[in-house]
Amino acid sequence: MFLLKKLKSAFIKKYSDKNVAYPGDYHRTFIEARERTINFGLEVDSISFKKQTFLSDMESASKLAQVLSEFFIENNIRADDVAGQCWRINIFIKNFLEEHFGVPLVLTIGYIEDYPNFDYYKMTEAEIATLLNSPMGHNGNCAANLHVWLTLPSMEILDVSFMTSFGKVNNKPELIGTVVYGPPEKLSTPNFNYKPMVLGEHFINRVGLNNAFIIIDSIQE
C-alpha cells in the first residue's frame, strides 16, 4: 500500500512555478529522436502531436493517480518491480494508459539532465550505435545504462520509475512511488530536462534488453 500512498501524494501536489532553468526544447529533441530511430533502421509508430493537454490540471492528474494506483494494486506491482525495471514497467502500463487517455503513448528511451549539474543514464548516439551493431546486442542478462519513460501526444512526460530507483539507491524511502509528470517546462520535479534519444519498443527488442536491468547505482547523489 505504500506505493499507492506515494503515487497519490506525488500527483496531488501542486505544480511548481515555471521552471526557468529548463534549457531544452522537448518537442524538438523528440522529433530528432524519431529521426534518429528511423535512421538506425528501427520501427517507430506514426505520431500525431496534439495541443490538448492531459496532465496540466489537478483534476486530470488526480484522476490518473487514482486509476494508476488501482492498476498497480490489482497487478501486485511493488517498488522492486519498478526500480531498475523502467522499460518493463512502462511497456506493462502503456496499453492501460492508452485506454485511459484515449490516445497512443510513445515509449521514450534516453536520459535525464538534472540541470545544470548532472546527467542520469547518459546515453550517447555512439553508444546506441554500438549496441545496435553488436552481433550479441546487449546479451540480455546484465545491466544497462539508460532510462525509459512515456511521452503523450501533447509532449507531456510521465515517468513512474526514476524517483523510486533514486530513492532505493540513496536510501530515501520518502521518494519511493513518486511520479514525475507534466509538461517538460513545468515538471513536478524542477530542473529535470528529459532528453529523448530513440523511440519505441523495437529498440528494446533489437538489442536484447528484455532480460536486463538498469544500473541504478548510477543515480547516487
N, C-alpha and C. Protein backbone atom coordinates (compact mmCIF):
# COMPACT_ATOMS: atom_id res chain seq x y z
N MET A 1 0.80 -1.21 0.00
CA MET A 1 0.00 0.00 0.00
C MET A 1 0.84 1.27 0.00
N PHE A 2 2.12 1.15 0.37
CA PHE A 2 2.96 2.36 0.41
C PHE A 2 3.05 3.02 -0.96
N LEU A 3 3.03 2.18 -2.02
CA LEU A 3 3.15 2.72 -3.37
C LEU A 3 1.91 3.54 -3.73
N LEU A 4 0.73 3.06 -3.34
CA LEU A 4 -0.50 3.81 -3.57
C LEU A 4 -0.42 5.18 -2.90
N LYS A 5 0.00 5.24 -1.66
CA LYS A 5 0.08 6.50 -0.93
C LYS A 5 1.03 7.46 -1.61
N LYS A 6 2.20 6.96 -2.02
CA LYS A 6 3.20 7.83 -2.63
C LYS A 6 2.74 8.31 -3.99
N LEU A 7 2.08 7.45 -4.76
CA LEU A 7 1.58 7.88 -6.06
C LEU A 7 0.57 9.01 -5.91
N LYS A 8 -0.34 8.85 -4.96
CA LYS A 8 -1.33 9.89 -4.75
C LYS A 8 -0.68 11.20 -4.32
N SER A 9 0.26 11.12 -3.39
CA SER A 9 0.89 12.34 -2.90
C SER A 9 1.68 13.02 -4.00
N ALA A 10 2.25 12.24 -4.91
CA ALA A 10 3.03 12.84 -5.99
C ALA A 10 2.13 13.58 -6.96
N PHE A 11 0.99 13.02 -7.30
CA PHE A 11 0.12 13.64 -8.27
C PHE A 11 -0.69 14.80 -7.70
N ILE A 12 -1.05 14.71 -6.43
CA ILE A 12 -1.94 15.70 -5.86
C ILE A 12 -1.23 17.02 -5.58
N LYS A 13 0.08 16.97 -5.35
CA LYS A 13 0.77 18.22 -5.04
C LYS A 13 0.72 19.19 -6.22
N LYS A 14 0.74 20.46 -5.92
CA LYS A 14 0.64 21.47 -6.96
C LYS A 14 1.90 21.49 -7.81
N TYR A 15 1.72 21.92 -9.08
CA TYR A 15 2.89 22.13 -9.92
C TYR A 15 3.75 23.24 -9.34
N SER A 16 5.05 23.12 -9.53
CA SER A 16 5.94 24.20 -9.14
C SER A 16 5.80 25.34 -10.14
N ASP A 17 6.35 26.50 -9.80
CA ASP A 17 6.34 27.61 -10.74
C ASP A 17 7.11 27.23 -11.98
N LYS A 18 6.86 27.94 -13.06
CA LYS A 18 7.53 27.62 -14.32
C LYS A 18 9.03 27.50 -14.10
N ASN A 19 9.58 26.41 -14.61
CA ASN A 19 10.99 26.10 -14.37
C ASN A 19 11.86 26.91 -15.32
N VAL A 20 12.28 28.08 -14.91
CA VAL A 20 13.04 28.96 -15.79
C VAL A 20 14.42 28.41 -16.11
N ALA A 21 14.88 27.44 -15.30
CA ALA A 21 16.20 26.87 -15.56
C ALA A 21 16.17 25.84 -16.69
N TYR A 22 14.97 25.37 -17.06
CA TYR A 22 14.86 24.32 -18.07
C TYR A 22 15.33 24.84 -19.43
N PRO A 23 16.44 24.30 -19.97
CA PRO A 23 17.04 24.90 -21.16
C PRO A 23 16.62 24.24 -22.46
N GLY A 24 15.88 23.13 -22.40
CA GLY A 24 15.66 22.32 -23.60
C GLY A 24 14.36 22.60 -24.30
N ASP A 25 14.26 22.06 -25.49
CA ASP A 25 13.04 22.11 -26.28
C ASP A 25 12.64 20.66 -26.49
N TYR A 26 11.75 20.15 -25.65
CA TYR A 26 11.45 18.72 -25.67
C TYR A 26 10.84 18.29 -27.00
N HIS A 27 9.96 19.11 -27.55
CA HIS A 27 9.34 18.76 -28.83
C HIS A 27 10.41 18.58 -29.91
N ARG A 28 11.34 19.51 -29.95
CA ARG A 28 12.41 19.43 -30.95
C ARG A 28 13.26 18.18 -30.76
N THR A 29 13.67 17.91 -29.52
CA THR A 29 14.53 16.75 -29.29
C THR A 29 13.76 15.45 -29.50
N PHE A 30 12.45 15.48 -29.28
CA PHE A 30 11.63 14.30 -29.53
C PHE A 30 11.59 14.00 -31.03
N ILE A 31 11.41 15.03 -31.85
CA ILE A 31 11.41 14.84 -33.30
C ILE A 31 12.78 14.33 -33.77
N GLU A 32 13.84 14.89 -33.19
CA GLU A 32 15.18 14.42 -33.52
C GLU A 32 15.35 12.94 -33.14
N ALA A 33 14.79 12.55 -32.00
CA ALA A 33 14.86 11.15 -31.58
C ALA A 33 14.11 10.26 -32.56
N ARG A 34 12.98 10.72 -33.06
CA ARG A 34 12.24 9.94 -34.05
C ARG A 34 13.06 9.77 -35.33
N GLU A 35 13.67 10.85 -35.79
CA GLU A 35 14.51 10.77 -36.99
C GLU A 35 15.70 9.86 -36.75
N ARG A 36 16.30 9.92 -35.58
CA ARG A 36 17.43 9.06 -35.23
C ARG A 36 17.00 7.59 -35.23
N THR A 37 15.83 7.34 -34.67
CA THR A 37 15.31 5.98 -34.62
C THR A 37 15.15 5.42 -36.02
N ILE A 38 14.56 6.21 -36.91
CA ILE A 38 14.37 5.77 -38.30
C ILE A 38 15.72 5.56 -38.98
N ASN A 39 16.66 6.47 -38.76
CA ASN A 39 17.99 6.35 -39.39
C ASN A 39 18.73 5.12 -38.92
N PHE A 40 18.44 4.65 -37.70
CA PHE A 40 19.05 3.42 -37.19
C PHE A 40 18.35 2.17 -37.75
N GLY A 41 17.33 2.38 -38.57
CA GLY A 41 16.63 1.24 -39.15
C GLY A 41 15.64 0.59 -38.21
N LEU A 42 15.20 1.33 -37.20
CA LEU A 42 14.26 0.81 -36.22
C LEU A 42 12.83 1.24 -36.57
N GLU A 43 11.89 0.40 -36.19
CA GLU A 43 10.48 0.71 -36.42
C GLU A 43 10.00 1.69 -35.36
N VAL A 44 9.17 2.62 -35.80
CA VAL A 44 8.58 3.58 -34.87
C VAL A 44 7.18 3.92 -35.37
N ASP A 45 6.23 3.95 -34.46
CA ASP A 45 4.85 4.26 -34.85
C ASP A 45 4.74 5.71 -35.29
N SER A 46 3.76 5.97 -36.15
CA SER A 46 3.48 7.35 -36.54
C SER A 46 2.99 8.12 -35.32
N ILE A 47 3.30 9.39 -35.28
CA ILE A 47 3.00 10.21 -34.11
C ILE A 47 2.16 11.41 -34.54
N SER A 48 1.04 11.61 -33.87
CA SER A 48 0.19 12.78 -34.11
C SER A 48 0.28 13.69 -32.88
N PHE A 49 0.91 14.83 -33.04
CA PHE A 49 1.05 15.76 -31.94
C PHE A 49 -0.27 16.48 -31.69
N LYS A 50 -0.58 16.74 -30.42
CA LYS A 50 -1.83 17.38 -30.04
C LYS A 50 -1.56 18.58 -29.13
N LYS A 51 -2.35 19.64 -29.34
CA LYS A 51 -2.28 20.78 -28.43
C LYS A 51 -3.02 20.48 -27.13
N GLN A 52 -3.99 19.57 -27.19
CA GLN A 52 -4.72 19.18 -25.99
C GLN A 52 -3.76 18.65 -24.94
N THR A 53 -3.92 19.07 -23.70
CA THR A 53 -3.08 18.57 -22.61
C THR A 53 -3.85 17.54 -21.78
N PHE A 54 -3.10 16.66 -21.12
CA PHE A 54 -3.69 15.55 -20.39
C PHE A 54 -3.31 15.56 -18.90
N LEU A 55 -2.24 16.26 -18.55
CA LEU A 55 -1.76 16.26 -17.17
C LEU A 55 -1.42 17.67 -16.70
N SER A 56 -2.13 18.65 -17.22
CA SER A 56 -1.80 20.04 -16.90
C SER A 56 -2.75 20.68 -15.91
N ASP A 57 -3.68 19.90 -15.36
CA ASP A 57 -4.56 20.44 -14.33
C ASP A 57 -4.70 19.41 -13.23
N MET A 58 -5.12 19.86 -12.06
CA MET A 58 -5.16 19.00 -10.89
C MET A 58 -6.19 17.88 -11.03
N GLU A 59 -7.30 18.15 -11.70
CA GLU A 59 -8.36 17.14 -11.83
C GLU A 59 -7.87 15.95 -12.64
N SER A 60 -7.23 16.20 -13.79
CA SER A 60 -6.76 15.10 -14.63
C SER A 60 -5.61 14.35 -13.97
N ALA A 61 -4.72 15.07 -13.29
CA ALA A 61 -3.60 14.41 -12.60
C ALA A 61 -4.09 13.55 -11.45
N SER A 62 -5.07 14.06 -10.70
CA SER A 62 -5.61 13.29 -9.58
C SER A 62 -6.34 12.04 -10.07
N LYS A 63 -7.07 12.17 -11.17
CA LYS A 63 -7.77 11.02 -11.74
C LYS A 63 -6.77 9.95 -12.18
N LEU A 64 -5.70 10.37 -12.83
CA LEU A 64 -4.69 9.40 -13.25
C LEU A 64 -4.06 8.73 -12.04
N ALA A 65 -3.80 9.50 -11.00
CA ALA A 65 -3.22 8.92 -9.78
C ALA A 65 -4.10 7.81 -9.25
N GLN A 66 -5.40 8.03 -9.26
CA GLN A 66 -6.33 7.04 -8.74
C GLN A 66 -6.33 5.77 -9.57
N VAL A 67 -6.49 5.92 -10.89
CA VAL A 67 -6.61 4.72 -11.73
C VAL A 67 -5.27 3.98 -11.83
N LEU A 68 -4.16 4.72 -11.84
CA LEU A 68 -2.86 4.07 -11.92
C LEU A 68 -2.54 3.34 -10.61
N SER A 69 -2.89 3.95 -9.51
CA SER A 69 -2.67 3.31 -8.21
C SER A 69 -3.48 2.01 -8.12
N GLU A 70 -4.74 2.06 -8.56
CA GLU A 70 -5.58 0.87 -8.55
C GLU A 70 -5.00 -0.22 -9.45
N PHE A 71 -4.47 0.19 -10.60
CA PHE A 71 -3.85 -0.76 -11.53
C PHE A 71 -2.63 -1.42 -10.90
N PHE A 72 -1.82 -0.64 -10.19
CA PHE A 72 -0.65 -1.20 -9.52
C PHE A 72 -1.05 -2.21 -8.45
N ILE A 73 -2.08 -1.88 -7.69
CA ILE A 73 -2.53 -2.79 -6.63
C ILE A 73 -3.10 -4.08 -7.23
N GLU A 74 -3.95 -3.94 -8.27
CA GLU A 74 -4.56 -5.11 -8.89
C GLU A 74 -3.51 -6.06 -9.48
N ASN A 75 -2.41 -5.50 -9.95
CA ASN A 75 -1.36 -6.31 -10.58
C ASN A 75 -0.18 -6.59 -9.64
N ASN A 76 -0.36 -6.24 -8.36
CA ASN A 76 0.64 -6.52 -7.33
C ASN A 76 2.01 -5.96 -7.71
N ILE A 77 2.04 -4.74 -8.22
CA ILE A 77 3.29 -4.09 -8.59
C ILE A 77 3.90 -3.44 -7.36
N ARG A 78 5.13 -3.82 -7.05
CA ARG A 78 5.84 -3.33 -5.87
C ARG A 78 6.99 -2.42 -6.30
N ALA A 79 7.64 -1.81 -5.33
CA ALA A 79 8.78 -0.93 -5.64
C ALA A 79 9.86 -1.69 -6.38
N ASP A 80 10.12 -2.95 -6.01
CA ASP A 80 11.16 -3.73 -6.67
C ASP A 80 10.81 -4.06 -8.11
N ASP A 81 9.53 -3.96 -8.47
CA ASP A 81 9.11 -4.18 -9.85
C ASP A 81 9.30 -2.92 -10.69
N VAL A 82 9.61 -1.82 -10.03
CA VAL A 82 9.74 -0.52 -10.70
C VAL A 82 11.20 -0.07 -10.75
N ALA A 83 11.91 -0.17 -9.63
CA ALA A 83 13.30 0.29 -9.56
C ALA A 83 14.18 -0.58 -10.45
N GLY A 84 14.91 0.07 -11.37
CA GLY A 84 15.79 -0.66 -12.26
C GLY A 84 15.06 -1.48 -13.31
N GLN A 85 13.77 -1.24 -13.47
CA GLN A 85 12.96 -2.01 -14.43
C GLN A 85 12.16 -1.05 -15.31
N CYS A 86 12.77 0.06 -15.71
CA CYS A 86 11.99 1.13 -16.31
C CYS A 86 11.32 0.73 -17.62
N TRP A 87 12.00 -0.08 -18.48
CA TRP A 87 11.32 -0.45 -19.72
C TRP A 87 10.23 -1.48 -19.48
N ARG A 88 10.46 -2.39 -18.53
CA ARG A 88 9.43 -3.40 -18.25
C ARG A 88 8.15 -2.75 -17.73
N ILE A 89 8.29 -1.86 -16.76
CA ILE A 89 7.10 -1.27 -16.16
C ILE A 89 6.38 -0.36 -17.17
N ASN A 90 7.13 0.34 -18.01
CA ASN A 90 6.49 1.22 -18.99
C ASN A 90 5.80 0.44 -20.10
N ILE A 91 6.42 -0.64 -20.54
CA ILE A 91 5.76 -1.49 -21.52
C ILE A 91 4.50 -2.10 -20.92
N PHE A 92 4.58 -2.47 -19.64
CA PHE A 92 3.46 -3.11 -18.97
C PHE A 92 2.27 -2.17 -18.82
N ILE A 93 2.53 -0.90 -18.49
CA ILE A 93 1.43 0.02 -18.24
C ILE A 93 0.99 0.79 -19.48
N LYS A 94 1.72 0.67 -20.58
CA LYS A 94 1.47 1.51 -21.76
C LYS A 94 0.06 1.30 -22.32
N ASN A 95 -0.37 0.07 -22.54
CA ASN A 95 -1.70 -0.17 -23.09
C ASN A 95 -2.79 0.34 -22.16
N PHE A 96 -2.60 0.11 -20.85
CA PHE A 96 -3.58 0.58 -19.87
C PHE A 96 -3.71 2.10 -19.93
N LEU A 97 -2.59 2.80 -20.01
CA LEU A 97 -2.64 4.26 -20.04
C LEU A 97 -3.19 4.78 -21.36
N GLU A 98 -2.93 4.07 -22.45
CA GLU A 98 -3.51 4.48 -23.73
C GLU A 98 -5.04 4.39 -23.69
N GLU A 99 -5.56 3.37 -23.03
CA GLU A 99 -7.01 3.28 -22.87
C GLU A 99 -7.53 4.40 -21.97
N HIS A 100 -6.77 4.71 -20.94
CA HIS A 100 -7.20 5.77 -20.02
C HIS A 100 -7.25 7.13 -20.71
N PHE A 101 -6.20 7.46 -21.46
CA PHE A 101 -6.13 8.77 -22.11
C PHE A 101 -6.87 8.81 -23.44
N GLY A 102 -7.04 7.64 -24.08
CA GLY A 102 -7.69 7.59 -25.39
C GLY A 102 -6.80 8.01 -26.53
N VAL A 103 -5.48 7.99 -26.30
CA VAL A 103 -4.50 8.36 -27.34
C VAL A 103 -3.30 7.44 -27.22
N PRO A 104 -2.52 7.26 -28.29
CA PRO A 104 -1.30 6.45 -28.19
C PRO A 104 -0.21 7.17 -27.42
N LEU A 105 0.58 6.42 -26.65
CA LEU A 105 1.74 6.94 -25.94
C LEU A 105 2.99 6.36 -26.57
N VAL A 106 4.09 7.06 -26.42
CA VAL A 106 5.34 6.65 -27.05
C VAL A 106 6.35 6.23 -25.99
N LEU A 107 6.85 5.00 -26.11
CA LEU A 107 7.94 4.55 -25.26
C LEU A 107 9.19 5.34 -25.65
N THR A 108 9.75 6.06 -24.71
CA THR A 108 10.83 7.01 -24.99
C THR A 108 12.08 6.60 -24.23
N ILE A 109 13.19 6.42 -24.95
CA ILE A 109 14.44 5.96 -24.36
C ILE A 109 15.46 7.09 -24.44
N GLY A 110 16.09 7.40 -23.30
CA GLY A 110 17.08 8.47 -23.31
C GLY A 110 17.69 8.67 -21.93
N TYR A 111 17.89 9.94 -21.55
CA TYR A 111 18.49 10.22 -20.26
C TYR A 111 17.90 11.48 -19.66
N ILE A 112 18.26 11.74 -18.41
CA ILE A 112 17.75 12.91 -17.70
C ILE A 112 18.90 13.83 -17.33
N GLU A 113 18.79 15.07 -17.73
CA GLU A 113 19.74 16.10 -17.31
C GLU A 113 19.16 16.81 -16.10
N ASP A 114 19.84 16.69 -14.97
CA ASP A 114 19.43 17.42 -13.76
C ASP A 114 20.13 18.77 -13.83
N TYR A 115 19.54 19.68 -14.56
CA TYR A 115 20.18 20.94 -14.92
C TYR A 115 20.51 21.77 -13.67
N PRO A 116 21.73 22.31 -13.58
CA PRO A 116 22.83 22.25 -14.54
C PRO A 116 23.98 21.33 -14.10
N ASN A 117 23.72 20.40 -13.19
CA ASN A 117 24.83 19.73 -12.51
C ASN A 117 25.17 18.33 -12.98
N PHE A 118 24.18 17.53 -13.41
CA PHE A 118 24.46 16.11 -13.58
C PHE A 118 23.54 15.50 -14.62
N ASP A 119 24.02 14.44 -15.29
CA ASP A 119 23.20 13.67 -16.21
C ASP A 119 23.00 12.28 -15.64
N TYR A 120 21.74 11.84 -15.59
CA TYR A 120 21.43 10.48 -15.15
C TYR A 120 21.17 9.61 -16.37
N TYR A 121 21.85 8.47 -16.42
CA TYR A 121 21.68 7.50 -17.50
C TYR A 121 22.06 8.09 -18.86
N LYS A 122 23.15 8.85 -18.89
CA LYS A 122 23.56 9.48 -20.15
C LYS A 122 23.90 8.41 -21.18
N MET A 123 23.24 8.46 -22.32
CA MET A 123 23.45 7.52 -23.39
C MET A 123 23.67 8.30 -24.69
N THR A 124 24.83 8.15 -25.30
CA THR A 124 25.15 8.91 -26.49
C THR A 124 24.69 8.17 -27.74
N GLU A 125 24.66 8.89 -28.83
CA GLU A 125 24.30 8.28 -30.11
C GLU A 125 25.29 7.20 -30.50
N ALA A 126 26.57 7.42 -30.19
CA ALA A 126 27.59 6.42 -30.49
C ALA A 126 27.36 5.14 -29.70
N GLU A 127 26.95 5.27 -28.44
CA GLU A 127 26.68 4.10 -27.62
C GLU A 127 25.46 3.33 -28.13
N ILE A 128 24.47 4.06 -28.61
CA ILE A 128 23.31 3.41 -29.20
C ILE A 128 23.73 2.62 -30.44
N ALA A 129 24.56 3.24 -31.28
CA ALA A 129 25.02 2.57 -32.49
C ALA A 129 25.81 1.32 -32.15
N THR A 130 26.63 1.39 -31.10
CA THR A 130 27.42 0.22 -30.69
C THR A 130 26.51 -0.93 -30.28
N LEU A 131 25.48 -0.63 -29.51
CA LEU A 131 24.52 -1.65 -29.10
C LEU A 131 23.83 -2.28 -30.30
N LEU A 132 23.40 -1.42 -31.23
CA LEU A 132 22.66 -1.92 -32.38
C LEU A 132 23.53 -2.71 -33.34
N ASN A 133 24.81 -2.37 -33.42
CA ASN A 133 25.71 -3.02 -34.37
C ASN A 133 26.41 -4.24 -33.81
N SER A 134 26.29 -4.47 -32.50
CA SER A 134 26.93 -5.63 -31.90
C SER A 134 26.17 -6.90 -32.27
N PRO A 135 26.88 -7.94 -32.76
CA PRO A 135 26.20 -9.19 -33.11
C PRO A 135 25.47 -9.80 -31.92
N MET A 136 25.98 -9.55 -30.70
CA MET A 136 25.36 -10.10 -29.50
C MET A 136 24.34 -9.15 -28.88
N GLY A 137 24.21 -7.93 -29.46
CA GLY A 137 23.34 -6.95 -28.84
C GLY A 137 23.81 -6.65 -27.43
N HIS A 138 22.88 -6.55 -26.53
CA HIS A 138 23.22 -6.29 -25.14
C HIS A 138 23.49 -7.58 -24.39
N ASN A 139 23.14 -8.69 -25.00
CA ASN A 139 23.34 -10.02 -24.42
C ASN A 139 22.54 -10.23 -23.14
N GLY A 140 21.48 -9.43 -23.01
CA GLY A 140 20.44 -9.75 -22.04
C GLY A 140 20.76 -9.67 -20.57
N ASN A 141 21.41 -10.65 -20.02
CA ASN A 141 21.41 -10.85 -18.56
C ASN A 141 22.42 -9.98 -17.83
N CYS A 142 22.42 -8.70 -18.07
CA CYS A 142 23.34 -7.79 -17.37
C CYS A 142 22.69 -6.42 -17.31
N ALA A 143 23.43 -5.44 -16.80
CA ALA A 143 22.85 -4.13 -16.55
C ALA A 143 23.02 -3.20 -17.76
N ALA A 144 22.13 -2.21 -17.84
CA ALA A 144 22.18 -1.25 -18.94
C ALA A 144 22.07 0.15 -18.37
N ASN A 145 22.79 1.08 -18.98
CA ASN A 145 22.80 2.46 -18.51
C ASN A 145 21.92 3.30 -19.43
N LEU A 146 20.62 3.23 -19.23
CA LEU A 146 19.68 4.03 -19.99
C LEU A 146 18.40 4.19 -19.18
N HIS A 147 17.51 5.05 -19.67
CA HIS A 147 16.25 5.28 -18.96
C HIS A 147 15.10 5.29 -19.95
N VAL A 148 13.92 4.90 -19.47
CA VAL A 148 12.72 4.82 -20.30
C VAL A 148 11.57 5.51 -19.58
N TRP A 149 10.80 6.28 -20.34
CA TRP A 149 9.58 6.90 -19.83
C TRP A 149 8.55 6.94 -20.95
N LEU A 150 7.38 7.51 -20.70
CA LEU A 150 6.33 7.61 -21.69
C LEU A 150 6.09 9.07 -22.06
N THR A 151 5.84 9.30 -23.36
CA THR A 151 5.52 10.64 -23.85
C THR A 151 4.13 10.63 -24.45
N LEU A 152 3.31 11.61 -24.05
CA LEU A 152 1.97 11.77 -24.60
C LEU A 152 2.02 12.61 -25.87
N PRO A 153 0.97 12.57 -26.71
CA PRO A 153 0.96 13.37 -27.95
C PRO A 153 1.07 14.86 -27.68
N SER A 154 0.76 15.30 -26.47
CA SER A 154 0.90 16.70 -26.07
C SER A 154 2.34 17.04 -25.71
N MET A 155 3.24 16.06 -25.78
CA MET A 155 4.64 16.18 -25.36
C MET A 155 4.76 16.31 -23.85
N GLU A 156 3.72 15.94 -23.11
CA GLU A 156 3.82 15.81 -21.67
C GLU A 156 4.52 14.50 -21.33
N ILE A 157 5.19 14.48 -20.18
CA ILE A 157 6.02 13.35 -19.76
C ILE A 157 5.37 12.63 -18.60
N LEU A 158 5.49 11.31 -18.59
CA LEU A 158 5.06 10.50 -17.46
C LEU A 158 6.15 9.49 -17.15
N ASP A 159 6.78 9.64 -15.99
CA ASP A 159 7.90 8.78 -15.58
C ASP A 159 7.58 8.17 -14.22
N VAL A 160 7.25 6.88 -14.22
CA VAL A 160 6.84 6.22 -12.98
C VAL A 160 7.98 5.54 -12.25
N SER A 161 9.19 5.54 -12.82
CA SER A 161 10.24 4.69 -12.25
C SER A 161 11.45 5.42 -11.68
N PHE A 162 11.80 6.60 -12.22
CA PHE A 162 13.08 7.20 -11.85
C PHE A 162 13.19 7.49 -10.35
N MET A 163 12.18 8.14 -9.77
CA MET A 163 12.28 8.55 -8.37
C MET A 163 12.29 7.34 -7.43
N THR A 164 11.62 6.27 -7.81
CA THR A 164 11.68 5.05 -7.00
C THR A 164 13.08 4.46 -7.03
N SER A 165 13.69 4.40 -8.21
CA SER A 165 15.07 3.92 -8.31
C SER A 165 16.01 4.81 -7.51
N PHE A 166 15.85 6.12 -7.65
CA PHE A 166 16.69 7.07 -6.93
C PHE A 166 16.53 6.89 -5.42
N GLY A 167 15.29 6.73 -4.97
CA GLY A 167 15.03 6.55 -3.55
C GLY A 167 15.65 5.30 -2.98
N LYS A 168 15.61 4.21 -3.73
CA LYS A 168 16.18 2.96 -3.24
C LYS A 168 17.70 3.05 -3.18
N VAL A 169 18.34 3.63 -4.20
CA VAL A 169 19.80 3.72 -4.24
C VAL A 169 20.32 4.64 -3.15
N ASN A 170 19.62 5.75 -2.92
CA ASN A 170 20.12 6.78 -1.99
C ASN A 170 19.46 6.73 -0.62
N ASN A 171 18.79 5.62 -0.33
CA ASN A 171 18.16 5.42 0.98
C ASN A 171 17.22 6.57 1.33
N LYS A 172 16.34 6.89 0.39
CA LYS A 172 15.35 7.94 0.58
C LYS A 172 13.96 7.33 0.38
N PRO A 173 13.46 6.61 1.36
CA PRO A 173 12.18 5.91 1.18
C PRO A 173 11.02 6.85 0.89
N GLU A 174 11.15 8.12 1.26
CA GLU A 174 10.06 9.06 1.01
C GLU A 174 9.85 9.32 -0.49
N LEU A 175 10.86 8.97 -1.31
CA LEU A 175 10.75 9.17 -2.76
C LEU A 175 10.14 7.98 -3.48
N ILE A 176 10.12 6.83 -2.82
CA ILE A 176 9.65 5.61 -3.48
C ILE A 176 8.16 5.74 -3.80
N GLY A 177 7.82 5.50 -5.07
CA GLY A 177 6.45 5.65 -5.52
C GLY A 177 6.13 7.01 -6.10
N THR A 178 7.06 7.95 -6.02
CA THR A 178 6.84 9.28 -6.58
C THR A 178 6.92 9.23 -8.10
N VAL A 179 6.05 9.99 -8.75
CA VAL A 179 5.97 10.01 -10.21
C VAL A 179 6.34 11.40 -10.73
N VAL A 180 7.17 11.46 -11.76
CA VAL A 180 7.48 12.72 -12.45
C VAL A 180 6.50 12.83 -13.62
N TYR A 181 5.83 13.96 -13.75
CA TYR A 181 4.78 14.06 -14.75
C TYR A 181 4.58 15.51 -15.18
N GLY A 182 3.99 15.69 -16.35
CA GLY A 182 3.57 17.01 -16.78
C GLY A 182 4.33 17.55 -17.97
N PRO A 183 4.05 18.79 -18.34
CA PRO A 183 4.77 19.44 -19.44
C PRO A 183 6.26 19.56 -19.10
N PRO A 184 7.14 19.37 -20.06
CA PRO A 184 8.58 19.42 -19.76
C PRO A 184 9.03 20.71 -19.12
N GLU A 185 8.37 21.83 -19.44
CA GLU A 185 8.80 23.11 -18.88
C GLU A 185 8.20 23.36 -17.50
N LYS A 186 7.35 22.46 -17.03
CA LYS A 186 6.74 22.64 -15.71
C LYS A 186 6.57 21.27 -15.05
N LEU A 187 7.66 20.54 -14.90
CA LEU A 187 7.60 19.22 -14.31
C LEU A 187 7.37 19.30 -12.81
N SER A 188 6.86 18.19 -12.27
CA SER A 188 6.67 18.12 -10.82
C SER A 188 8.00 17.99 -10.09
N THR A 189 9.07 17.68 -10.82
CA THR A 189 10.42 17.69 -10.26
C THR A 189 11.23 18.76 -10.98
N PRO A 190 11.50 19.90 -10.36
CA PRO A 190 12.17 21.01 -11.04
C PRO A 190 13.56 20.64 -11.54
N ASN A 191 13.97 21.29 -12.61
CA ASN A 191 15.31 21.20 -13.19
C ASN A 191 15.59 19.91 -13.94
N PHE A 192 14.61 19.00 -14.05
CA PHE A 192 14.80 17.80 -14.84
C PHE A 192 14.56 18.12 -16.31
N ASN A 193 15.56 17.85 -17.13
CA ASN A 193 15.49 18.05 -18.57
C ASN A 193 15.56 16.68 -19.23
N TYR A 194 14.44 16.17 -19.68
CA TYR A 194 14.39 14.84 -20.29
C TYR A 194 14.89 14.92 -21.73
N LYS A 195 15.81 14.02 -22.07
CA LYS A 195 16.48 14.05 -23.38
C LYS A 195 16.18 12.76 -24.14
N PRO A 196 15.18 12.75 -25.01
CA PRO A 196 14.89 11.56 -25.82
C PRO A 196 16.04 11.26 -26.79
N MET A 197 16.36 9.97 -26.93
CA MET A 197 17.40 9.55 -27.88
C MET A 197 16.85 8.63 -28.97
N VAL A 198 16.08 7.62 -28.58
CA VAL A 198 15.39 6.75 -29.54
C VAL A 198 13.99 6.46 -29.01
N LEU A 199 13.12 6.03 -29.91
CA LEU A 199 11.73 5.81 -29.56
C LEU A 199 11.29 4.39 -29.89
N GLY A 200 10.41 3.84 -29.07
CA GLY A 200 9.73 2.62 -29.41
C GLY A 200 10.33 1.35 -28.84
N GLU A 201 9.47 0.33 -28.77
CA GLU A 201 9.85 -0.95 -28.18
C GLU A 201 10.80 -1.74 -29.08
N HIS A 202 10.84 -1.42 -30.37
CA HIS A 202 11.71 -2.16 -31.28
C HIS A 202 13.17 -2.09 -30.85
N PHE A 203 13.59 -0.94 -30.32
CA PHE A 203 14.97 -0.81 -29.84
C PHE A 203 15.24 -1.79 -28.71
N ILE A 204 14.30 -1.89 -27.75
CA ILE A 204 14.46 -2.81 -26.61
C ILE A 204 14.63 -4.24 -27.11
N ASN A 205 13.77 -4.64 -28.06
CA ASN A 205 13.83 -6.00 -28.58
C ASN A 205 15.08 -6.23 -29.43
N ARG A 206 15.43 -5.23 -30.24
CA ARG A 206 16.54 -5.37 -31.18
C ARG A 206 17.87 -5.60 -30.46
N VAL A 207 18.09 -4.93 -29.34
CA VAL A 207 19.39 -5.04 -28.66
C VAL A 207 19.35 -6.05 -27.51
N GLY A 208 18.24 -6.76 -27.36
CA GLY A 208 18.19 -7.85 -26.39
C GLY A 208 18.16 -7.40 -24.94
N LEU A 209 17.46 -6.29 -24.68
CA LEU A 209 17.42 -5.77 -23.32
C LEU A 209 16.31 -6.39 -22.47
N ASN A 210 15.54 -7.28 -23.05
CA ASN A 210 14.36 -7.81 -22.36
C ASN A 210 14.68 -8.42 -21.01
N ASN A 211 15.85 -9.05 -20.89
CA ASN A 211 16.19 -9.73 -19.64
C ASN A 211 17.20 -8.96 -18.80
N ALA A 212 17.48 -7.72 -19.19
CA ALA A 212 18.48 -6.93 -18.47
C ALA A 212 17.82 -6.08 -17.40
N PHE A 213 18.64 -5.38 -16.63
CA PHE A 213 18.14 -4.46 -15.61
C PHE A 213 18.95 -3.19 -15.65
N ILE A 214 18.42 -2.12 -15.07
CA ILE A 214 19.06 -0.81 -15.12
C ILE A 214 20.16 -0.71 -14.07
N ILE A 215 21.22 0.01 -14.40
CA ILE A 215 22.28 0.27 -13.43
C ILE A 215 21.79 1.38 -12.51
N ILE A 216 21.12 1.01 -11.42
CA ILE A 216 20.57 2.05 -10.55
C ILE A 216 21.65 2.71 -9.70
N ASP A 217 22.82 2.08 -9.57
CA ASP A 217 23.92 2.72 -8.82
C ASP A 217 24.37 4.01 -9.48
N SER A 218 24.04 4.18 -10.77
CA SER A 218 24.48 5.38 -11.48
C SER A 218 23.68 6.61 -11.10
N ILE A 219 22.69 6.47 -10.21
CA ILE A 219 21.90 7.64 -9.81
C ILE A 219 22.14 7.98 -8.34
N GLN A 220 23.30 7.63 -7.84
CA GLN A 220 23.65 8.03 -6.48
C GLN A 220 23.89 9.53 -6.44
N GLU A 221 23.59 10.12 -5.29
CA GLU A 221 23.81 11.56 -5.13
C GLU A 221 25.32 11.86 -5.07
